[in-house]
Amino acid sequence: MKILIVDDDVVDRKIIMKALGGIDIHRDITQTSSVSEGLAAMDKEHFDVILLDYKMPEADGIEMLYHLRSQPDLGKTAVVMVSASEDTELALSCIEAGAQDFVVKNEISQGKLSKAILHAKKRFELEKKMHDSYVNVKHMAERDPLTGLSNRYHFEETLKVMIANNKRTEHSIALLALDLDNFKHVNDTLGHDAGDSLLVQMVNRINDCLRQNEGFARLGGDEFAIILGGISQIGDVSTIADRILDTFKTPFTINGKEITCGMSIGVAIFPADAVKAADLVKSADIAMYRAKQSGKNRVCFYESQYQEDFNRRYAIQVDINSVLRKKTFSLHYQPLFDLQSNKIKSFEALIRWPLSGPSFYNPDEFIPISEETHQIVEIGQRVLKEALQQLHVWQSSYGHDLGISINVSPVQLRDDGFIEYVKHQLAEQKIDARTVTLEITETAFFKEKDKIAASLNALSALGLNIALDDFGMGYSSISHLMSYPIDVVKIDKSLQANEGDHHSNDAMFEALALMLKKLEFRIVAEGVETEKQLLLCRKHHIDKAQGYLLGKPVSAQEADDLLKQNQ
């Protein structure tokens, strides 16, 4: 056993050495006369027990005790405090500070000192086990088991402390909210083990971009956060964020396969953007969401306008739930005219926000949000059911060749229950599938192509017509026309010639119509608003047309009146 004596009094050290001389458990004894000498000795070698004088001139022994117990593993050494004082309160103070025993100097004897050393060593071993257990539990409570990063709880506590401490300085704190782009796709296609491997590799890359004192945390799933303290220039934050993005340019290797993915990063600054921890997190999340909305794999700094947009989006999401619960969405119907007979051959069902209530939103605003939140699945079911019910009523009165067009979201096509729901509603309303057209846009082909193709083929097999909407607007691919069971192509209104336009639109419209005819697609012209546009449609043998010139979207009753006139 190695014992260290720390006592400034030579006589007291001799008394201790004499008492130790008769103890057969000692192996090696080192004497020092001050706290500084004692700490220096401990830097050189490990001691099992320290006999530490409470009162010394330069620094008290209890200061050394505090220093030891603040070290990892409690300083790894048992401590017996020795003092000339017989004060019970002093002895208790030493024990509370971390000593394992307390011996009064005038009571030192071979037997008493022997027991104190043995008891102190045993007590310290037990205390260390308890401490190690506490550290392990604390680590489990504060750390993410997969990546070893701080978890949400530890992150939130760290952020609060940093903000509280930072209020006394002129520096800023930057909070980065990070979200891995398309992580769900990796889990769905390669499995969760591959997803976990990707997260670990990603964390290692990001750690290489950070200083040791950065607060890096995994908040859950593929959501991460980084706290950057001591920020004096915003450019420093941009540099770190860009450095992180650069690491994603190199593909990840998972099970021998290369995977390319990006990272969306939102940044909020304390105190410029928020002064409370919760508000700073919210601001960073809003900025990260904006980064995803702007095309992913980029950095966005928080701006107050984002808050207004976020609040509006949240309000719409809440209001959608309310409208769904009250079943107050309404359908309007825009007629599609057959250009050979000049008769209404079908209607397009268009969803409308209820006019009653404190809020009102256009479909261009609430439909994209409902797709992101998957509320579109329930909305789509309501639209399909009501539109087919209405079609049944009209077919009973005006003929069973009357048709209906219904817009379908990619989210619906990816929903496992969609095909069965369509089949059920067709049977329930006694509708011939050949009189129903489901309209999709090319955004349906951007994600989970195999799933979309399977759904479209299944719908086509039921006899339903599939129409490609908005063709010619933005991204349009002929390969999509050939790869999927498309029956009808709707030419976007942006290709319609307006008064005063050059003839380039006419030529484009003509070329597109000719190509589609050659490929034997049925063609619908959207957005027909002038006689010139209608004449152009007739000239190029377009099958059907719709637009304000021919008829605006109207209620079911008004559509019924149009059908009566059409008869």
Protein backbone atom coordinates (compact mmCIF):
# COMPACT_ATOMS: atom_id res chain seq x y z
CA MET A 1 0.00 0.00 0.00
CA LYS A 2 1.26 3.44 -0.89
CA ILE A 3 0.61 6.19 1.65
CA LEU A 4 1.14 9.94 1.22
CA ILE A 5 1.54 12.19 4.27
CA VAL A 6 0.77 15.88 3.72
CA ASP A 7 1.56 17.88 6.89
CA ASP A 8 3.58 21.05 7.40
CA ASP A 9 4.58 20.11 11.00
CA VAL A 10 7.75 17.98 11.20
CA VAL A 11 6.91 16.72 14.68
CA ASP A 12 3.42 15.64 13.62
CA ARG A 13 4.86 13.82 10.63
CA LYS A 14 7.27 11.94 12.92
CA ILE A 15 4.36 10.92 15.20
CA ILE A 16 2.46 9.63 12.20
CA MET A 17 5.52 7.79 10.87
CA LYS A 18 6.08 6.18 14.28
CA ALA A 19 2.47 5.00 14.38
CA LEU A 20 2.81 3.66 10.86
CA GLY A 21 6.00 1.89 11.72
CA GLY A 22 4.13 -0.83 13.55
CA ILE A 23 1.50 -1.32 10.86
CA ASP A 24 2.28 -4.27 8.63
CA ILE A 25 -0.03 -3.12 5.85
CA HIS A 26 2.17 -0.27 4.65
CA ARG A 27 4.50 -0.77 1.76
CA ASP A 28 5.67 2.71 0.79
CA ILE A 29 5.36 6.08 2.54
CA THR A 30 6.00 9.50 1.02
CA GLN A 31 6.15 12.69 3.12
CA THR A 32 5.33 16.23 1.90
CA SER A 33 5.04 19.45 3.85
CA SER A 34 2.46 21.38 1.80
CA VAL A 35 -0.55 21.01 -0.47
CA SER A 36 1.50 21.97 -3.53
CA GLU A 37 4.13 19.33 -2.72
CA GLY A 38 1.41 16.74 -2.11
CA LEU A 39 -0.25 17.44 -5.48
CA ALA A 40 3.13 17.31 -7.21
CA ALA A 41 3.79 13.92 -5.64
CA MET A 42 0.40 12.66 -6.81
CA ASP A 43 1.19 13.74 -10.35
CA LYS A 44 4.17 11.39 -10.32
CA GLU A 45 2.57 8.30 -8.80
CA HIS A 46 -0.66 6.85 -7.42
CA PHE A 47 -1.30 6.60 -3.66
CA ASP A 48 -3.86 4.38 -2.00
CA VAL A 49 -4.38 6.64 1.04
CA ILE A 50 -3.51 10.24 1.91
CA LEU A 51 -3.06 11.34 5.52
CA LEU A 52 -3.91 15.00 5.10
CA ASP A 53 -3.43 17.74 7.70
CA TYR A 54 -6.42 20.05 7.88
CA LYS A 55 -4.54 23.23 8.84
CA MET A 56 -1.47 24.34 6.86
CA PRO A 57 -0.01 27.80 6.15
CA GLU A 58 -0.14 28.11 2.35
CA ALA A 59 -3.33 26.22 1.62
CA ASP A 60 -5.60 24.22 3.92
CA GLY A 61 -5.85 20.48 3.52
CA ILE A 62 -9.58 20.79 2.85
CA GLU A 63 -8.74 22.81 -0.29
CA MET A 64 -6.66 19.90 -1.50
CA LEU A 65 -9.57 17.60 -0.66
CA TYR A 66 -11.98 19.69 -2.75
CA HIS A 67 -9.48 19.61 -5.61
CA LEU A 68 -9.16 15.82 -5.45
CA ARG A 69 -12.89 15.15 -5.35
CA SER A 70 -13.48 17.38 -8.37
CA GLN A 71 -11.17 15.16 -10.45
CA PRO A 72 -12.32 12.20 -12.55
CA ASP A 73 -12.95 9.10 -10.40
CA LEU A 74 -12.93 11.32 -7.29
CA GLY A 75 -9.14 11.67 -7.49
CA LYS A 76 -8.70 7.87 -7.19
CA THR A 77 -7.40 8.12 -3.59
CA ALA A 78 -8.89 7.61 -0.10
CA VAL A 79 -8.28 10.49 2.34
CA VAL A 80 -7.93 10.49 6.11
CA MET A 81 -8.01 14.02 7.50
CA VAL A 82 -5.85 14.69 10.58
CA SER A 83 -6.16 17.77 12.77
CA ALA A 84 -5.16 19.11 16.16
CA SER A 85 -8.76 20.27 16.62
CA GLU A 86 -11.28 18.03 18.34
CA ASP A 87 -14.23 20.03 16.95
CA THR A 88 -17.00 17.61 15.88
CA GLU A 89 -18.38 20.09 13.34
CA LEU A 90 -14.96 20.29 11.69
CA ALA A 91 -14.80 16.50 11.43
CA LEU A 92 -18.28 16.43 9.82
CA SER A 93 -17.26 19.17 7.38
CA CYS A 94 -14.27 17.12 6.27
CA ILE A 95 -16.39 13.99 5.76
CA GLU A 96 -18.96 15.99 3.78
CA ALA A 97 -16.15 17.42 1.64
CA GLY A 98 -15.10 13.90 0.66
CA ALA A 99 -12.78 12.54 3.34
CA GLN A 100 -13.32 8.91 4.36
CA ASP A 101 -12.24 9.37 8.01
CA PHE A 102 -11.09 12.00 10.53
CA VAL A 103 -8.39 11.47 13.19
CA VAL A 104 -7.44 13.90 15.96
CA LYS A 105 -3.66 14.25 16.21
CA ASN A 106 -3.38 13.78 19.98
CA GLU A 107 -5.30 10.48 19.62
CA ILE A 108 -3.04 9.02 16.94
CA SER A 109 -1.91 5.52 17.81
CA GLN A 110 -0.85 2.49 15.87
CA GLY A 111 -4.22 0.76 16.29
CA LYS A 112 -6.34 3.83 15.65
CA LEU A 113 -4.38 4.86 12.58
CA SER A 114 -4.41 1.31 11.22
CA LYS A 115 -8.21 1.12 11.50
CA ALA A 116 -8.61 4.59 9.99
CA ILE A 117 -6.48 3.67 6.96
CA LEU A 118 -8.20 0.33 6.34
CA HIS A 119 -11.70 1.76 6.86
CA ALA A 120 -10.92 4.76 4.65
CA LYS A 121 -9.66 2.57 1.85
CA LYS A 122 -12.74 0.31 2.00
CA ARG A 123 -15.14 3.24 2.24
CA PHE A 124 -13.49 4.91 -0.73
CA GLU A 125 -13.83 1.74 -2.78
CA LEU A 126 -17.56 1.63 -2.02
CA GLU A 127 -17.98 5.35 -2.67
CA LYS A 128 -16.14 5.00 -5.98
CA LYS A 129 -18.46 2.17 -7.05
CA MET A 130 -21.45 4.32 -6.19
CA HIS A 131 -19.90 7.26 -8.02
CA ASP A 132 -19.12 5.17 -11.10
CA SER A 133 -22.69 3.88 -11.09
CA TYR A 134 -23.99 7.44 -10.83
CA VAL A 135 -21.72 8.56 -13.67
CA ASN A 136 -22.91 5.69 -15.85
CA VAL A 137 -26.56 6.44 -15.17
CA LYS A 138 -25.97 10.14 -15.73
CA HIS A 139 -24.20 9.37 -19.00
CA MET A 140 -27.08 7.16 -20.11
CA ALA A 141 -29.55 9.89 -19.17
CA GLU A 142 -27.64 12.56 -21.07
CA ARG A 143 -26.23 10.70 -24.07
CA ASP A 144 -27.59 9.23 -27.24
CA PRO A 145 -26.68 5.51 -27.19
CA LEU A 146 -26.06 5.25 -30.95
CA THR A 147 -23.85 8.28 -31.59
CA GLY A 148 -22.56 9.12 -28.11
CA LEU A 149 -23.73 12.72 -28.57
CA SER A 150 -25.73 14.68 -26.02
CA ASN A 151 -29.41 13.82 -26.10
CA ARG A 152 -32.28 16.32 -26.13
CA TYR A 153 -32.40 16.70 -22.34
CA HIS A 154 -28.68 17.40 -22.00
CA PHE A 155 -28.74 19.70 -25.03
CA GLU A 156 -31.57 21.81 -23.58
CA GLU A 157 -29.84 22.08 -20.19
CA THR A 158 -26.52 23.00 -21.83
CA LEU A 159 -28.18 25.69 -23.96
CA LYS A 160 -29.86 27.23 -20.92
CA VAL A 161 -26.56 27.35 -19.02
CA MET A 162 -24.67 28.83 -21.98
CA ILE A 163 -27.29 31.55 -22.46
CA ALA A 164 -27.26 32.39 -18.74
CA ASN A 165 -23.45 32.61 -18.72
CA ASN A 166 -23.28 34.46 -22.03
CA LYS A 167 -25.46 37.32 -20.82
CA ARG A 168 -22.38 38.68 -19.04
CA THR A 169 -20.35 38.85 -22.27
CA GLU A 170 -20.69 40.68 -25.57
CA HIS A 171 -20.37 37.51 -27.65
CA SER A 172 -23.22 35.74 -29.38
CA ILE A 173 -24.35 32.14 -29.40
CA ALA A 174 -25.29 30.41 -32.64
CA LEU A 175 -27.67 27.47 -32.67
CA LEU A 176 -27.61 25.22 -35.72
CA ALA A 177 -30.59 22.91 -36.32
CA LEU A 178 -29.61 20.09 -38.69
CA ASP A 179 -31.82 17.57 -40.47
CA LEU A 180 -30.59 14.85 -42.81
CA ASP A 181 -32.29 15.06 -46.21
CA ASN A 182 -34.27 12.00 -47.35
CA PHE A 183 -33.15 9.89 -44.38
CA LYS A 184 -36.47 8.01 -44.36
CA HIS A 185 -35.71 6.77 -47.87
CA VAL A 186 -32.48 5.16 -46.62
CA ASN A 187 -34.30 3.40 -43.78
CA ASP A 188 -37.11 2.26 -46.07
CA THR A 189 -34.86 0.92 -48.83
CA LEU A 190 -31.76 -0.36 -47.00
CA GLY A 191 -33.11 -0.98 -43.50
CA HIS A 192 -32.63 0.62 -40.09
CA ASP A 193 -29.17 -0.88 -39.55
CA ALA A 194 -27.99 0.95 -42.67
CA GLY A 195 -29.69 4.11 -41.41
CA ASP A 196 -27.87 3.81 -38.07
CA SER A 197 -24.55 3.31 -39.86
CA LEU A 198 -25.21 6.41 -41.94
CA LEU A 199 -25.93 8.47 -38.82
CA VAL A 200 -22.71 7.34 -37.12
CA GLN A 201 -20.62 8.17 -40.21
CA MET A 202 -22.34 11.52 -40.54
CA VAL A 203 -21.65 12.39 -36.88
CA ASN A 204 -17.96 11.53 -37.31
CA ARG A 205 -17.70 13.84 -40.33
CA ILE A 206 -19.42 16.71 -38.55
CA ASN A 207 -17.27 16.26 -35.43
CA ASP A 208 -14.19 16.81 -37.61
CA CYS A 209 -15.62 20.26 -38.50
CA LEU A 210 -16.11 21.36 -34.89
CA ARG A 211 -13.97 22.47 -32.00
CA GLN A 212 -13.87 20.22 -28.95
CA ASN A 213 -16.09 22.54 -26.91
CA GLU A 214 -18.98 22.76 -29.37
CA GLY A 215 -22.30 21.43 -28.06
CA PHE A 216 -23.24 18.72 -30.60
CA ALA A 217 -26.44 16.79 -29.84
CA ARG A 218 -28.82 14.30 -31.39
CA LEU A 219 -32.36 15.41 -30.66
CA GLY A 220 -34.00 12.32 -32.16
CA GLY A 221 -34.16 10.39 -35.44
CA ASP A 222 -32.18 12.39 -37.99
CA GLU A 223 -32.51 15.69 -36.11
CA PHE A 224 -29.33 17.19 -34.68
CA ALA A 225 -28.25 20.49 -33.12
CA ILE A 226 -24.97 22.29 -32.59
CA ILE A 227 -24.35 25.12 -30.09
CA LEU A 228 -21.55 27.48 -31.06
CA GLY A 229 -20.44 29.75 -28.22
CA GLY A 230 -18.27 32.84 -28.21
CA ILE A 231 -19.38 34.04 -31.64
CA SER A 232 -18.09 37.51 -32.50
CA GLN A 233 -18.76 37.47 -36.26
CA ILE A 234 -21.68 35.83 -38.06
CA GLY A 235 -19.27 34.89 -40.83
CA ASP A 236 -17.69 32.38 -38.44
CA VAL A 237 -21.02 30.53 -38.26
CA SER A 238 -21.36 30.50 -42.05
CA THR A 239 -17.86 29.07 -42.36
CA ILE A 240 -18.63 26.16 -40.02
CA ALA A 241 -22.03 25.47 -41.62
CA ASP A 242 -20.52 25.50 -45.12
CA ARG A 243 -17.74 23.22 -43.94
CA ILE A 244 -20.36 20.75 -42.71
CA LEU A 245 -22.20 20.85 -46.03
CA ASP A 246 -18.93 20.27 -47.89
CA THR A 247 -18.44 16.98 -46.04
CA PHE A 248 -21.64 15.68 -47.62
CA LYS A 249 -20.26 16.05 -51.13
CA THR A 250 -18.43 12.76 -50.63
CA PRO A 251 -20.82 9.78 -50.76
CA PHE A 252 -21.24 7.56 -47.71
CA THR A 253 -20.50 3.85 -48.03
CA ILE A 254 -23.05 1.54 -46.43
CA ASN A 255 -22.75 -2.23 -46.88
CA GLY A 256 -20.63 -1.70 -49.98
CA LYS A 257 -23.11 0.74 -51.52
CA GLU A 258 -22.47 4.43 -52.08
CA ILE A 259 -25.20 6.70 -50.70
CA THR A 260 -25.40 10.40 -51.48
CA CYS A 261 -27.43 12.59 -49.15
CA GLY A 262 -27.51 16.19 -48.05
CA MET A 263 -28.08 18.18 -44.89
CA SER A 264 -30.49 21.08 -44.32
CA ILE A 265 -29.21 23.55 -41.72
CA GLY A 266 -31.11 26.34 -39.99
CA VAL A 267 -29.27 28.96 -37.92
CA ALA A 268 -30.55 31.24 -35.17
CA ILE A 269 -28.42 33.71 -33.20
CA PHE A 270 -28.65 34.70 -29.53
CA PRO A 271 -29.53 37.45 -28.68
CA ALA A 272 -30.35 38.84 -32.15
CA ASP A 273 -33.07 36.30 -32.95
CA ALA A 274 -34.16 35.18 -29.48
CA VAL A 275 -33.13 35.61 -25.84
CA LYS A 276 -34.74 32.47 -24.39
CA ALA A 277 -33.50 28.96 -25.07
CA ALA A 278 -36.89 27.63 -26.22
CA ASP A 279 -37.37 30.58 -28.59
CA LEU A 280 -33.87 30.14 -30.01
CA VAL A 281 -34.58 26.47 -30.74
CA LYS A 282 -37.87 27.40 -32.40
CA SER A 283 -36.17 30.04 -34.56
CA ALA A 284 -33.45 27.60 -35.67
CA ASP A 285 -36.11 24.99 -36.52
CA ILE A 286 -38.02 27.51 -38.63
CA ALA A 287 -34.83 28.43 -40.49
CA MET A 288 -34.07 24.72 -41.05
CA TYR A 289 -37.57 24.17 -42.39
CA ARG A 290 -37.01 27.08 -44.78
CA ALA A 291 -33.77 25.41 -45.95
CA LYS A 292 -35.73 22.26 -46.81
CA GLN A 293 -38.42 24.28 -48.56
CA SER A 294 -35.76 26.08 -50.59
CA GLY A 295 -34.41 22.88 -52.12
CA LYS A 296 -32.57 21.10 -49.26
CA ASN A 297 -28.83 20.68 -48.71
CA ARG A 298 -28.32 24.32 -47.82
CA VAL A 299 -27.99 26.78 -44.94
CA CYS A 300 -30.69 29.29 -44.01
CA PHE A 301 -30.39 31.95 -41.30
CA TYR A 302 -33.50 32.84 -39.36
CA GLU A 303 -35.46 35.90 -40.49
CA SER A 304 -38.55 37.34 -38.82
CA GLN A 305 -40.55 36.80 -42.01
CA TYR A 306 -39.98 33.07 -41.59
CA GLN A 307 -41.82 33.27 -38.27
CA GLU A 308 -44.85 34.85 -39.92
CA ASP A 309 -44.81 32.19 -42.67
CA PHE A 310 -44.40 29.43 -40.13
CA ASN A 311 -47.25 30.74 -37.99
CA ARG A 312 -49.51 30.94 -41.03
CA ARG A 313 -48.62 27.41 -42.10
CA TYR A 314 -49.31 26.14 -38.61
CA ALA A 315 -52.64 27.99 -38.53
CA ILE A 316 -53.60 26.41 -41.86
CA GLN A 317 -52.68 22.95 -40.59
CA VAL A 318 -54.86 23.44 -37.49
CA ASP A 319 -57.71 24.87 -39.56
CA ILE A 320 -57.56 21.92 -41.97
CA ASN A 321 -58.14 19.57 -39.03
CA SER A 322 -61.08 21.69 -37.94
CA VAL A 323 -62.64 21.70 -41.42
CA LEU A 324 -62.13 17.93 -41.77
CA ARG A 325 -63.77 17.39 -38.40
CA LYS A 326 -66.76 19.56 -39.33
CA LYS A 327 -66.89 18.12 -42.89
CA THR A 328 -67.31 21.57 -44.39
CA PHE A 329 -64.98 21.36 -47.40
CA SER A 330 -67.01 21.96 -50.58
CA LEU A 331 -66.55 20.88 -54.19
CA HIS A 332 -66.91 23.07 -57.25
CA TYR A 333 -67.13 21.68 -60.76
CA GLN A 334 -65.55 23.15 -63.89
CA PRO A 335 -66.98 21.87 -67.19
CA LEU A 336 -64.84 20.29 -69.91
CA PHE A 337 -66.28 20.78 -73.40
CA ASP A 338 -65.92 18.35 -76.27
CA LEU A 339 -64.72 20.59 -79.14
CA GLN A 340 -66.36 18.43 -81.80
CA SER A 341 -69.87 18.45 -80.36
CA ASN A 342 -69.58 21.65 -78.26
CA LYS A 343 -71.19 19.70 -75.42
CA ILE A 344 -70.16 19.28 -71.79
CA LYS A 345 -68.68 15.80 -71.57
CA SER A 346 -67.26 15.92 -68.07
CA PHE A 347 -66.46 18.09 -65.05
CA GLU A 348 -63.29 18.56 -63.04
CA ALA A 349 -63.99 18.38 -59.30
CA LEU A 350 -62.15 21.15 -57.46
CA ILE A 351 -61.96 21.41 -53.69
CA ARG A 352 -62.77 24.75 -52.03
CA TRP A 353 -62.29 26.08 -48.51
CA PRO A 354 -65.61 26.77 -46.77
CA LEU A 355 -66.68 30.41 -46.94
CA SER A 356 -68.05 30.34 -43.40
CA GLY A 357 -65.56 30.83 -40.62
CA PRO A 358 -62.87 33.31 -39.59
CA SER A 359 -60.24 32.12 -42.09
CA PHE A 360 -60.12 31.47 -45.82
CA TYR A 361 -57.36 29.85 -47.86
CA ASN A 362 -56.93 29.13 -51.55
CA PRO A 363 -56.21 25.55 -52.70
CA ASP A 364 -52.74 26.62 -53.84
CA GLU A 365 -52.04 27.41 -50.20
CA PHE A 366 -53.72 24.64 -48.19
CA ILE A 367 -53.21 21.68 -50.55
CA PRO A 368 -49.36 21.69 -50.38
CA ILE A 369 -49.52 21.90 -46.59
CA SER A 370 -52.02 19.05 -46.41
CA GLU A 371 -49.66 16.97 -48.55
CA GLU A 372 -46.73 17.59 -46.21
CA THR A 373 -48.82 16.66 -43.16
CA HIS A 374 -50.53 13.72 -44.96
CA GLN A 375 -53.91 15.31 -44.22
CA ILE A 376 -54.39 15.08 -47.99
CA VAL A 377 -55.17 11.36 -47.59
CA GLU A 378 -58.38 12.12 -45.69
CA ILE A 379 -59.14 15.16 -47.85
CA GLY A 380 -58.69 13.06 -50.99
CA GLN A 381 -61.06 10.40 -49.69
CA ARG A 382 -63.74 13.03 -49.04
CA VAL A 383 -63.28 14.53 -52.52
CA LEU A 384 -63.41 11.16 -54.26
CA LYS A 385 -66.51 10.00 -52.40
CA GLU A 386 -68.44 13.24 -52.89
CA ALA A 387 -67.44 13.60 -56.56
CA LEU A 388 -68.54 10.03 -57.36
CA GLN A 389 -71.80 10.52 -55.48
CA GLN A 390 -72.46 13.62 -57.55
CA LEU A 391 -71.49 11.83 -60.76
CA HIS A 392 -73.99 9.07 -59.95
CA VAL A 393 -76.75 11.67 -59.61
CA TRP A 394 -75.83 13.31 -62.93
CA GLN A 395 -75.43 10.08 -64.83
CA SER A 396 -78.88 9.00 -63.68
CA SER A 397 -80.33 12.21 -65.13
CA TYR A 398 -78.14 13.04 -68.13
CA GLY A 399 -76.61 9.80 -69.34
CA HIS A 400 -73.98 7.35 -68.25
CA ASP A 401 -71.33 8.68 -70.63
CA LEU A 402 -70.91 11.84 -68.51
CA GLY A 403 -67.51 11.83 -66.82
CA ILE A 404 -65.68 13.35 -63.86
CA SER A 405 -62.02 14.29 -63.33
CA ILE A 406 -60.56 14.14 -59.84
CA ASN A 407 -57.11 15.43 -58.81
CA VAL A 408 -54.96 12.91 -56.96
CA SER A 409 -51.90 13.74 -54.87
CA PRO A 410 -48.66 11.70 -54.96
CA VAL A 411 -49.17 11.19 -51.24
CA GLN A 412 -52.45 9.42 -51.97
CA LEU A 413 -50.81 7.23 -54.61
CA ARG A 414 -48.20 6.16 -52.04
CA ASP A 415 -50.87 5.37 -49.44
CA ASP A 416 -51.39 1.60 -49.07
CA GLY A 417 -55.17 1.88 -48.71
CA PHE A 418 -55.83 4.15 -51.70
CA ILE A 419 -56.48 1.51 -54.40
CA GLU A 420 -58.97 -0.40 -52.25
CA TYR A 421 -60.74 2.81 -51.31
CA VAL A 422 -61.16 3.74 -55.00
CA LYS A 423 -62.50 0.26 -55.80
CA HIS A 424 -64.94 0.44 -52.89
CA GLN A 425 -66.26 3.87 -53.88
CA LEU A 426 -66.71 2.88 -57.54
CA ALA A 427 -68.76 -0.14 -56.42
CA GLU A 428 -70.64 1.82 -53.74
CA GLN A 429 -71.72 4.56 -56.16
CA LYS A 430 -72.23 2.11 -59.06
CA ILE A 431 -69.90 4.09 -61.32
CA ASP A 432 -68.27 2.74 -64.48
CA ALA A 433 -64.54 3.31 -63.97
CA ARG A 434 -64.18 4.33 -67.63
CA THR A 435 -66.11 7.56 -66.89
CA VAL A 436 -63.67 8.59 -64.15
CA THR A 437 -60.34 10.32 -64.79
CA LEU A 438 -57.70 10.69 -62.10
CA GLU A 439 -55.44 13.69 -62.68
CA ILE A 440 -51.82 13.70 -61.53
CA THR A 441 -48.92 16.11 -62.02
CA GLU A 442 -45.35 15.17 -62.84
CA THR A 443 -44.30 15.79 -59.24
CA ALA A 444 -45.81 12.33 -58.60
CA PHE A 445 -42.83 10.79 -60.40
CA PHE A 446 -40.15 12.46 -58.28
CA LYS A 447 -40.31 10.17 -55.20
CA GLU A 448 -40.84 6.42 -54.80
CA LYS A 449 -41.28 5.89 -58.53
CA ASP A 450 -41.85 2.14 -58.20
CA LYS A 451 -44.67 2.66 -55.71
CA ILE A 452 -46.27 5.34 -57.91
CA ALA A 453 -45.99 3.17 -61.02
CA ALA A 454 -47.59 0.23 -59.22
CA SER A 455 -50.49 2.39 -58.03
CA LEU A 456 -51.09 3.93 -61.47
CA ASN A 457 -50.98 0.53 -63.18
CA ALA A 458 -53.46 -0.85 -60.64
CA LEU A 459 -55.82 2.11 -61.17
CA SER A 460 -55.51 1.79 -64.94
CA ALA A 461 -56.30 -1.91 -64.67
CA LEU A 462 -59.57 -0.98 -62.97
CA GLY A 463 -60.52 0.93 -66.12
CA LEU A 464 -59.87 4.42 -64.77
CA ASN A 465 -58.39 7.05 -67.07
CA ILE A 466 -55.09 8.61 -65.97
CA ALA A 467 -54.50 12.24 -66.98
CA LEU A 468 -51.20 14.08 -66.77
CA ASP A 469 -52.04 17.61 -65.62
CA ASP A 470 -50.13 20.87 -66.27
CA PHE A 471 -48.02 19.36 -69.06
CA GLY A 472 -45.66 21.97 -70.46
CA MET A 473 -45.29 23.88 -67.20
CA GLY A 474 -41.78 23.73 -65.76
CA TYR A 475 -40.40 20.18 -65.83
CA SER A 476 -42.03 18.04 -68.53
CA SER A 477 -40.62 14.73 -69.70
CA ILE A 478 -41.81 12.72 -72.69
CA SER A 479 -40.36 9.63 -70.99
CA HIS A 480 -43.05 9.97 -68.33
CA LEU A 481 -45.72 9.76 -71.00
CA MET A 482 -44.25 6.50 -72.23
CA SER A 483 -43.31 4.95 -68.88
CA TYR A 484 -46.65 5.28 -67.11
CA PRO A 485 -50.23 4.37 -68.11
CA ILE A 486 -51.20 7.90 -69.21
CA ASP A 487 -54.39 8.23 -71.28
CA VAL A 488 -54.99 11.98 -71.28
CA VAL A 489 -52.56 14.92 -71.42
CA LYS A 490 -53.71 18.32 -70.21
CA ILE A 491 -51.70 21.11 -71.84
CA ASP A 492 -50.93 23.80 -69.28
CA LYS A 493 -52.52 27.21 -69.73
CA SER A 494 -49.06 28.82 -69.82
CA LEU A 495 -48.80 27.60 -73.43
CA GLN A 496 -51.99 29.34 -74.48
CA ALA A 497 -51.37 32.39 -76.68
CA ASN A 498 -52.46 35.71 -75.19
CA GLU A 499 -53.36 38.90 -76.99
CA GLY A 500 -50.20 40.68 -78.16
CA ASP A 501 -48.00 37.60 -77.68
CA HIS A 502 -45.49 36.59 -80.31
CA HIS A 503 -46.23 33.56 -82.42
CA SER A 504 -43.75 31.40 -80.51
CA ASN A 505 -46.49 30.16 -78.18
CA ASP A 506 -48.66 29.27 -81.19
CA ALA A 507 -45.83 27.23 -82.68
CA MET A 508 -45.08 25.52 -79.38
CA PHE A 509 -48.76 24.71 -78.84
CA GLU A 510 -49.08 23.34 -82.38
CA ALA A 511 -45.94 21.22 -82.10
CA LEU A 512 -46.99 19.83 -78.74
CA ALA A 513 -50.49 19.03 -79.96
CA LEU A 514 -49.13 17.32 -83.06
CA MET A 515 -46.71 15.20 -81.05
CA LEU A 516 -49.39 14.13 -78.55
CA LYS A 517 -51.78 13.23 -81.37
CA LYS A 518 -49.10 11.14 -83.04
CA LEU A 519 -48.60 9.34 -79.73
CA GLU A 520 -52.36 8.76 -79.59
CA PHE A 521 -53.05 10.63 -76.37
CA ARG A 522 -56.36 12.37 -75.76
CA ILE A 523 -55.67 16.08 -75.29
CA VAL A 524 -57.31 18.66 -73.01
CA ALA A 525 -56.42 22.34 -73.27
CA GLU A 526 -56.50 24.17 -69.94
CA GLY A 527 -56.99 27.86 -69.31
CA VAL A 528 -58.98 28.75 -72.45
CA GLU A 529 -59.98 32.35 -71.80
CA THR A 530 -60.22 34.01 -75.25
CA GLU A 531 -61.84 33.26 -78.58
CA LYS A 532 -58.39 33.23 -80.18
CA GLN A 533 -57.28 30.45 -77.84
CA LEU A 534 -60.44 28.46 -78.52
CA LEU A 535 -59.95 28.79 -82.30
CA LEU A 536 -56.37 27.60 -81.93
CA CYS A 537 -57.61 24.52 -80.02
CA ARG A 538 -60.09 23.72 -82.77
CA LYS A 539 -57.47 24.28 -85.46
CA HIS A 540 -55.15 21.72 -83.90
CA HIS A 541 -57.91 19.18 -83.19
CA ILE A 542 -57.74 19.33 -79.41
CA ASP A 543 -60.25 16.88 -77.92
CA LYS A 544 -61.52 18.88 -74.96
CA ALA A 545 -61.06 22.34 -73.51
CA GLN A 546 -61.76 24.02 -70.20
CA GLY A 547 -61.33 27.58 -69.04
CA TYR A 548 -63.18 30.71 -67.98
CA LEU A 549 -64.33 31.39 -71.53
CA LEU A 550 -66.27 28.12 -71.48
CA GLY A 551 -67.21 27.90 -67.83
CA LYS A 552 -65.89 28.78 -64.39
CA PRO A 553 -65.88 26.36 -61.46
CA VAL A 554 -69.39 26.39 -60.00
CA SER A 555 -71.39 24.66 -57.28
CA ALA A 556 -73.07 21.31 -57.92
CA GLN A 557 -76.45 23.03 -58.35
CA GLU A 558 -75.07 25.50 -60.88
CA ALA A 559 -73.33 22.66 -62.70
CA ASP A 560 -76.66 20.87 -62.85
CA ASP A 561 -78.21 23.94 -64.49
CA LEU A 562 -75.41 23.89 -67.08
CA LEU A 563 -76.17 20.26 -67.85
CA LYS A 564 -79.84 21.05 -68.37
CA GLN A 565 -78.86 23.78 -70.85
CA ASN A 566 -76.39 21.37 -72.43
CA GLN A 567 -79.20 18.88 -73.05
